[in-house]
């Protein structure tokens, strides 16, 4: 089969790899009908996430048609259309039974490696390094899905692939970001990052009752799409974000702040952003947490900082004095997709939201390597890429 594979920093190729096979009784094989490039994939592309190996198949936003099932699968049959959550979850462990599917204790076969870095291991993920299981990803013609009686979400024929594909990751992630904010009537939510997850967070904040959303980015196409979703937009290269948010909230700060950027924040004029880039370049730091620092400073007393941007290692110069003395609450997670998926599918069916609004580029799998570069470099108005093998 054809698949997008990793061959080093900035080097993704479309090449032939062996077809996946049923390995365990709870496996399923799906024929991929749509997959996407996620902002999190760019961290792999840019060489930020450790433990990738040459030839690893990428991708964790995938859907398709079931073509084979293992002997223990009872809830899926050949021909079913399914969306596959990016988190691989057994459904039976301490965390899965409590709805924390992304903390699954059984799905990461390399959990000892993850534990050495993070103190404990989260769930295995599709196409996201051997640190998180070494599972082949879904930017391919076929995908093996472990624990397929727990993960895949059956979708009705009345909805197109593009309407439901993002149930795999960015829609639940954006919704969770807003859900973490405990939004009350009249709240102002500030969101850093108007990429795909940020766009979903904007719409989700309004779905959950926010009165105002302030969206922060510098890419004109992203800011325009955020404005279409009802957000007030700020360009961080044109304005002092802290001063503007304080002005817009009469000196109080936003009720909640969402970091939808993570480890690779764009360069800005601030001293801390410059220092982050120098330290990472000199291998003296692992992440660039400028956005997180700013979100903390811009949040009102006893407000919430919601973190869904990916961080990989150890963060530096986080203003914990501000957070502690002003009573901030931090909420963060890899998204337990299965916890949100059915409810969000119902919202799509009711017409409350159509997640396909974020798609700007549609392509073949063979176009993937160039589109990784286009997406990374924010060229050609690229916000979201969907590929159809």
Protein backbone atom coordinates (compact mmCIF):
# COMPACT_ATOMS: atom_id res chain seq x y z
CA UNK A 1 0.00 0.00 0.00
CA UNK A 2 0.97 3.65 -0.29
CA UNK A 3 1.66 5.65 2.86
CA UNK A 4 3.34 8.84 4.04
CA UNK A 5 6.53 7.94 5.89
CA UNK A 6 9.07 9.87 7.97
CA UNK A 7 12.72 9.91 6.89
CA UNK A 8 14.17 12.66 9.03
CA UNK A 9 13.53 16.29 9.87
CA UNK A 10 11.61 17.92 7.02
CA UNK A 11 11.60 14.69 4.99
CA UNK A 12 8.24 12.98 4.46
CA UNK A 13 7.80 10.63 1.51
CA UNK A 14 4.94 8.82 -0.16
CA UNK A 15 6.10 5.26 -0.72
CA UNK A 16 5.06 1.62 -0.78
CA UNK A 17 4.97 -0.17 2.58
CA UNK A 18 3.60 -3.59 3.61
CA UNK A 19 -0.17 -3.85 4.05
CA UNK A 20 -1.26 -4.11 7.70
CA UNK A 21 -2.66 -7.41 8.96
CA UNK A 22 -4.83 -8.53 11.84
CA UNK A 23 -2.45 -9.14 14.75
CA UNK A 24 -4.81 -9.45 17.71
CA UNK A 25 -8.42 -10.69 18.04
CA UNK A 26 -9.63 -7.14 18.82
CA UNK A 27 -8.03 -5.61 15.69
CA UNK A 28 -9.76 -4.27 12.61
CA UNK A 29 -8.40 -3.15 9.24
CA UNK A 30 -9.94 -0.13 7.56
CA UNK A 31 -9.60 1.10 4.02
CA UNK A 32 -8.82 4.79 4.43
CA UNK A 33 -11.21 7.09 2.58
CA UNK A 34 -10.00 10.37 4.13
CA UNK A 35 -7.12 11.47 6.33
CA UNK A 36 -5.64 14.81 7.34
CA UNK A 37 -2.41 16.53 8.28
CA UNK A 38 -2.64 17.84 11.84
CA UNK A 39 -0.71 20.68 13.40
CA UNK A 40 0.68 18.08 15.81
CA UNK A 41 2.16 16.25 12.81
CA UNK A 42 4.30 19.30 12.14
CA UNK A 43 6.10 18.70 15.44
CA UNK A 44 7.15 15.33 13.99
CA UNK A 45 8.00 16.90 10.63
CA UNK A 46 10.15 19.50 12.38
CA UNK A 47 11.98 16.91 14.48
CA UNK A 48 10.66 18.11 17.85
CA UNK A 49 9.12 14.84 19.11
CA UNK A 50 11.66 12.11 20.00
CA UNK A 51 11.81 8.43 19.02
CA UNK A 52 10.75 8.51 15.40
CA UNK A 53 12.36 5.91 13.18
CA UNK A 54 13.05 6.02 9.46
CA UNK A 55 10.06 4.69 7.55
CA UNK A 56 7.48 5.25 10.30
CA UNK A 57 3.99 5.79 8.85
CA UNK A 58 2.51 9.11 9.97
CA UNK A 59 -1.00 10.38 10.60
CA UNK A 60 -3.64 10.25 13.32
CA UNK A 61 -6.73 11.86 11.75
CA UNK A 62 -8.27 9.02 9.78
CA UNK A 63 -11.56 7.49 8.71
CA UNK A 64 -12.64 4.82 6.28
CA UNK A 65 -14.46 1.57 5.62
CA UNK A 66 -13.98 -1.59 7.65
CA UNK A 67 -12.56 -4.36 5.41
CA UNK A 68 -11.56 -6.97 8.00
CA UNK A 69 -12.23 -7.62 11.69
CA UNK A 70 -10.58 -9.80 14.33
CA UNK A 71 -12.34 -12.76 15.90
CA UNK A 72 -13.36 -10.87 19.07
CA UNK A 73 -14.97 -7.91 17.31
CA UNK A 74 -18.76 -7.93 17.66
CA UNK A 75 -19.76 -4.29 17.21
CA UNK A 76 -18.22 -3.71 13.77
CA UNK A 77 -18.69 -5.47 10.47
CA UNK A 78 -17.14 -5.29 7.05
CA UNK A 79 -18.54 -2.28 5.18
CA UNK A 80 -19.11 -0.03 8.22
CA UNK A 81 -17.98 3.59 7.85
CA UNK A 82 -15.93 4.64 10.87
CA UNK A 83 -13.88 7.52 12.22
CA UNK A 84 -10.83 6.41 14.19
CA UNK A 85 -9.88 8.36 17.36
CA UNK A 86 -6.20 9.24 17.50
CA UNK A 87 -5.99 7.81 21.03
CA UNK A 88 -5.77 4.01 21.27
CA UNK A 89 -7.73 2.79 24.28
CA UNK A 90 -8.54 -0.64 25.71
CA UNK A 91 -11.85 0.34 27.31
CA UNK A 92 -11.21 -1.82 30.39
CA UNK A 93 -8.40 -0.32 32.48
CA UNK A 94 -8.63 2.09 35.45
CA UNK A 95 -8.56 5.18 33.22
CA UNK A 96 -10.74 3.98 30.35
CA UNK A 97 -13.54 2.92 32.70
CA UNK A 98 -13.52 6.45 34.14
CA UNK A 99 -13.70 8.10 30.71
CA UNK A 100 -10.02 9.11 30.63
CA UNK A 101 -9.32 7.13 27.45
CA UNK A 102 -6.15 9.04 26.57
CA UNK A 103 -4.62 7.77 29.83
CA UNK A 104 -5.13 4.10 28.89
CA UNK A 105 -2.76 1.87 30.85
CA UNK A 106 -2.62 -0.94 28.29
CA UNK A 107 -2.28 0.53 24.81
CA UNK A 108 1.31 1.80 24.87
CA UNK A 109 3.68 -1.18 24.50
CA UNK A 110 6.59 1.21 25.08
CA UNK A 111 5.20 2.66 28.30
CA UNK A 112 8.52 2.25 30.13
CA UNK A 113 10.16 4.74 27.74
CA UNK A 114 7.36 7.26 28.20
CA UNK A 115 7.50 6.81 31.95
CA UNK A 116 11.19 7.71 32.02
CA UNK A 117 10.39 11.06 30.36
CA UNK A 118 7.01 11.94 31.89
CA UNK A 119 6.76 9.96 35.12
CA UNK A 120 3.97 7.82 33.71
CA UNK A 121 2.71 6.83 30.28
CA UNK A 122 -0.37 8.06 28.44
CA UNK A 123 -2.23 5.97 25.87
CA UNK A 124 -0.64 4.85 22.65
CA UNK A 125 -1.28 7.10 19.66
CA UNK A 126 -1.46 6.42 15.94
CA UNK A 127 1.56 7.57 13.95
CA UNK A 128 3.15 9.51 16.77
CA UNK A 129 6.57 8.02 17.54
CA UNK A 130 7.77 4.92 19.34
CA UNK A 131 7.56 6.81 22.61
CA UNK A 132 3.79 6.44 22.23
CA UNK A 133 3.67 2.92 20.93
CA UNK A 134 5.23 2.94 17.49
CA UNK A 135 1.84 2.37 15.85
CA UNK A 136 1.60 2.91 12.11
CA UNK A 137 -0.47 5.98 11.31
CA UNK A 138 -3.41 6.61 9.04
CA UNK A 139 -1.91 8.72 6.26
CA UNK A 140 -2.07 5.57 4.21
CA UNK A 141 -4.37 3.42 2.12
CA UNK A 142 -5.00 0.96 4.98
CA UNK A 143 -4.83 1.17 8.78
CA UNK A 144 -4.72 -1.48 11.48
CA UNK A 145 -6.86 -0.39 14.44
CA UNK A 146 -6.11 -2.11 17.78
CA UNK A 147 -8.93 -2.36 20.35
CA UNK A 148 -11.33 -1.72 17.49
CA UNK A 149 -14.33 -2.60 19.66
CA UNK A 150 -13.61 0.57 21.69
CA UNK A 151 -12.20 3.20 19.35
CA UNK A 152 -13.91 3.51 15.95
CA UNK A 153 -17.02 5.68 15.73
CA UNK A 154 -19.65 4.45 13.29
CA UNK A 155 -21.00 7.32 11.19
CA UNK A 156 -24.21 7.52 9.14
CA UNK A 157 -24.23 7.61 5.35
CA UNK A 158 -26.13 10.91 5.52
CA UNK A 159 -22.92 12.71 6.53
CA UNK A 160 -19.93 13.16 4.24
CA UNK A 161 -16.37 12.15 5.12
CA UNK A 162 -15.41 15.79 5.43
CA UNK A 163 -18.17 16.49 7.95
CA UNK A 164 -17.10 13.71 10.32
CA UNK A 165 -13.36 13.20 9.73
CA UNK A 166 -12.34 15.69 12.38
CA UNK A 167 -14.09 13.70 15.10
CA UNK A 168 -10.79 11.82 15.07
CA UNK A 169 -8.94 14.67 16.79
CA UNK A 170 -9.29 18.40 16.16
CA UNK A 171 -13.02 18.80 16.80
CA UNK A 172 -12.99 16.95 20.15
CA UNK A 173 -9.72 18.67 21.04
CA UNK A 174 -11.08 22.15 20.31
CA UNK A 175 -14.31 21.31 22.12
CA UNK A 176 -12.42 19.95 25.13
CA UNK A 177 -10.36 23.15 25.24
CA UNK A 178 -13.57 25.15 25.60
CA UNK A 179 -15.17 22.60 27.92
CA UNK A 180 -12.21 22.92 30.30
CA UNK A 181 -13.00 26.64 30.64
CA UNK A 182 -16.23 26.02 32.57
CA UNK A 183 -17.87 28.74 30.49
CA UNK A 184 -20.57 30.82 32.15
CA UNK A 185 -23.00 33.23 30.52
CA UNK A 186 -21.20 36.48 29.70
CA UNK A 187 -17.68 35.02 29.73
CA UNK A 188 -14.81 36.25 27.58
CA UNK A 189 -12.52 33.50 26.30
CA UNK A 190 -9.10 34.31 24.81
CA UNK A 191 -7.64 31.76 22.41
CA UNK A 192 -4.01 31.73 21.27
CA UNK A 193 -3.61 30.05 17.89
CA UNK A 194 -6.11 30.16 15.01
CA UNK A 195 -4.99 26.95 13.38
CA UNK A 196 -7.46 24.07 13.03
CA UNK A 197 -7.75 23.32 16.76
CA UNK A 198 -8.06 27.01 17.60
CA UNK A 199 -10.82 27.38 15.01
CA UNK A 200 -12.72 24.48 16.58
CA UNK A 201 -12.20 25.98 20.03
CA UNK A 202 -13.66 29.30 18.87
CA UNK A 203 -16.85 27.66 17.59
CA UNK A 204 -17.05 25.39 20.62
CA UNK A 205 -16.72 28.29 23.06
CA UNK A 206 -19.74 29.92 21.46
CA UNK A 207 -21.64 26.60 21.46
CA UNK A 208 -20.99 26.40 25.20
CA UNK A 209 -22.28 29.93 25.84
CA UNK A 210 -19.35 32.33 25.69
CA UNK A 211 -20.37 35.92 25.05
CA UNK A 212 -17.07 36.94 23.47
CA UNK A 213 -14.06 35.13 22.04
CA UNK A 214 -10.74 36.90 21.44
CA UNK A 215 -8.59 35.05 18.90
CA UNK A 216 -4.84 35.69 18.65
CA UNK A 217 -2.62 34.85 15.66
CA UNK A 218 -0.71 36.67 12.92
CA UNK A 219 -1.65 34.72 9.78
CA UNK A 220 -4.24 36.76 7.87
CA UNK A 221 -6.21 33.77 6.54
CA UNK A 222 -6.50 32.27 10.00
CA UNK A 223 -7.58 35.56 11.54
CA UNK A 224 -10.18 36.00 8.79
CA UNK A 225 -11.61 32.52 9.43
CA UNK A 226 -11.70 33.23 13.16
CA UNK A 227 -13.62 36.44 12.49
CA UNK A 228 -16.10 34.50 10.35
CA UNK A 229 -16.72 32.35 13.41
CA UNK A 230 -17.61 35.42 15.47
CA UNK A 231 -14.30 36.07 17.22
CA UNK A 232 -12.65 39.42 17.78
CA UNK A 233 -9.13 39.06 16.41
CA UNK A 234 -5.73 40.35 17.49
CA UNK A 235 -2.49 40.14 15.51
CA UNK A 236 0.35 39.53 17.95
CA UNK A 237 2.89 41.15 15.64
CA UNK A 238 0.84 44.33 15.44
CA UNK A 239 -0.42 44.75 19.00
CA UNK A 240 0.68 44.19 22.58
CA UNK A 241 -1.59 41.28 23.47
CA UNK A 242 -1.52 41.75 27.22
CA UNK A 243 -2.37 45.45 26.98
CA UNK A 244 -5.15 44.87 24.45
CA UNK A 245 -6.80 42.09 26.44
CA UNK A 246 -6.67 44.20 29.59
CA UNK A 247 -8.18 47.10 27.67
CA UNK A 248 -10.94 44.89 26.21
CA UNK A 249 -11.80 43.43 29.64
CA UNK A 250 -11.60 46.70 31.60
CA UNK A 251 -8.42 45.64 33.36
CA UNK A 252 -9.73 42.31 34.66
CA UNK A 253 -8.36 39.82 32.11
CA UNK A 254 -10.08 37.05 30.18
CA UNK A 255 -12.27 34.66 32.15
CA UNK A 256 -10.38 31.77 30.58
CA UNK A 257 -7.41 31.48 28.24
CA UNK A 258 -6.79 28.64 25.79
CA UNK A 259 -3.32 27.71 24.56
CA UNK A 260 -3.96 26.04 21.20
CA UNK A 261 -0.36 26.59 20.03
CA UNK A 262 1.98 24.49 22.15
CA UNK A 263 5.68 23.97 21.80
CA UNK A 264 6.41 25.76 18.52
CA UNK A 265 5.05 29.26 19.00
CA UNK A 266 5.87 31.72 16.21
CA UNK A 267 8.66 34.25 16.73
CA UNK A 268 7.60 37.51 18.33
CA UNK A 269 9.37 40.63 19.53
CA UNK A 270 9.22 39.66 23.20
CA UNK A 271 12.43 38.81 25.02
CA UNK A 272 11.18 35.47 26.29
CA UNK A 273 10.19 34.22 22.81
CA UNK A 274 13.64 35.11 21.51
CA UNK A 275 15.31 33.36 24.44
CA UNK A 276 13.18 30.25 23.89
CA UNK A 277 14.31 29.97 20.28
CA UNK A 278 17.97 30.41 21.21
CA UNK A 279 17.80 27.77 23.96
CA UNK A 280 16.08 25.23 21.70
CA UNK A 281 18.58 25.90 18.90
CA UNK A 282 21.47 25.32 21.34
CA UNK A 283 19.85 22.18 22.80
CA UNK A 284 19.45 23.94 26.14
CA UNK A 285 15.65 23.66 26.12
CA UNK A 286 12.95 21.41 24.71
CA UNK A 287 9.97 23.73 24.14
CA UNK A 288 9.05 27.33 23.35
CA UNK A 289 6.28 28.18 25.86
CA UNK A 290 5.88 31.91 25.15
CA UNK A 291 2.12 31.49 24.54
CA UNK A 292 1.58 29.69 27.83
CA UNK A 293 3.34 32.47 29.74
CA UNK A 294 1.20 35.09 28.03
CA UNK A 295 -2.02 33.16 28.62
CA UNK A 296 -1.25 33.00 32.35
CA UNK A 297 -0.61 36.74 32.51
CA UNK A 298 -3.77 37.58 30.55
CA UNK A 299 -6.13 35.40 32.61
CA UNK A 300 -8.24 37.07 35.28
CA UNK A 301 -7.90 36.19 38.97
CA UNK A 302 -9.41 32.76 39.67
CA UNK A 303 -9.75 32.13 35.94
CA UNK A 304 -8.81 29.03 33.95
CA UNK A 305 -5.89 28.30 31.65
CA UNK A 306 -6.80 25.50 29.23
CA UNK A 307 -3.85 23.86 27.46
CA UNK A 308 -4.37 21.70 24.37
CA UNK A 309 -1.26 22.70 22.42
CA UNK A 310 1.33 19.90 22.47
CA UNK A 311 4.36 20.23 24.74
CA UNK A 312 7.03 17.55 24.70
CA UNK A 313 9.44 18.11 27.55
CA UNK A 314 10.41 20.61 30.23
CA UNK A 315 9.17 24.20 30.19
CA UNK A 316 11.22 27.15 31.37
CA UNK A 317 10.38 30.43 33.10
CA UNK A 318 6.67 29.74 33.60
CA UNK A 319 5.21 32.49 35.85
CA UNK A 320 3.91 30.19 38.57
CA UNK A 321 4.03 33.08 41.04
CA UNK A 322 1.32 34.77 38.99
CA UNK A 323 -0.74 31.58 38.77
CA UNK A 324 -0.53 30.73 42.46
CA UNK A 325 -1.07 34.19 43.87
CA UNK A 326 -4.05 34.85 41.60
CA UNK A 327 -5.75 31.49 42.01
CA UNK A 328 -5.61 30.18 38.45
CA UNK A 329 -6.87 26.74 37.50
CA UNK A 330 -4.97 24.72 34.89
CA UNK A 331 -6.74 22.12 32.75
CA UNK A 332 -4.89 20.11 30.09
CA UNK A 333 -4.89 16.72 28.37
CA UNK A 334 -4.41 14.68 25.29
CA UNK A 335 -8.05 14.41 24.27
CA UNK A 336 -10.02 11.36 25.41
CA UNK A 337 -11.81 11.35 22.06
CA UNK A 338 -14.21 8.54 22.93
CA UNK A 339 -15.57 10.63 25.81
CA UNK A 340 -16.75 13.38 23.45
CA UNK A 341 -17.25 11.70 20.09
CA UNK A 342 -20.86 10.55 20.21
CA UNK A 343 -22.13 13.84 21.61
CA UNK A 344 -20.23 15.81 18.97
CA UNK A 345 -21.49 13.52 16.21
CA UNK A 346 -25.01 14.39 17.34
CA UNK A 347 -24.21 18.10 17.15
CA UNK A 348 -23.04 17.61 13.57
CA UNK A 349 -26.18 15.64 12.70
CA UNK A 350 -28.36 18.41 14.16
CA UNK A 351 -26.59 21.01 12.01
CA UNK A 352 -25.18 22.92 14.99
CA UNK A 353 -21.71 22.81 13.43
CA UNK A 354 -20.09 21.55 10.23
CA UNK A 355 -16.38 20.97 11.00
CA UNK A 356 -15.51 20.89 7.28
CA UNK A 357 -15.45 24.72 7.32
CA UNK A 358 -11.74 24.54 8.22
CA UNK A 359 -10.62 22.65 5.08
CA UNK A 360 -8.61 24.70 2.60
CA UNK A 361 -6.74 22.01 0.65
CA UNK A 362 -7.96 18.69 -0.76
CA UNK A 363 -5.41 16.36 -2.31
CA UNK A 364 -4.17 12.87 -3.07
CA UNK A 365 -1.90 10.97 -0.72
CA UNK A 366 0.90 11.44 -3.25
CA UNK A 367 0.65 15.20 -2.72
CA UNK A 368 1.22 14.84 1.02
CA UNK A 369 4.98 15.50 1.20
CA UNK A 370 4.66 18.89 -0.50
CA UNK A 371 1.57 19.76 1.50
CA UNK A 372 3.44 19.12 4.75
CA UNK A 373 5.77 21.93 3.68
CA UNK A 374 2.90 24.16 2.53
CA UNK A 375 1.10 23.69 5.85
CA UNK A 376 4.25 24.25 7.92
CA UNK A 377 5.20 27.39 6.02
CA UNK A 378 1.62 28.73 6.03
CA UNK A 379 1.69 29.18 2.28
CA UNK A 380 -1.20 29.33 -0.20
CA UNK A 381 -3.68 30.15 2.58
CA UNK A 382 -3.28 26.64 3.97
CA UNK A 383 -5.21 26.01 7.18
CA UNK A 384 -6.23 22.34 6.88
CA UNK A 385 -5.26 19.59 4.45
CA UNK A 386 -7.47 16.57 3.73
CA UNK A 387 -6.15 13.72 1.61
CA UNK A 388 -8.18 10.99 -0.06
CA UNK A 389 -6.06 7.89 -0.81
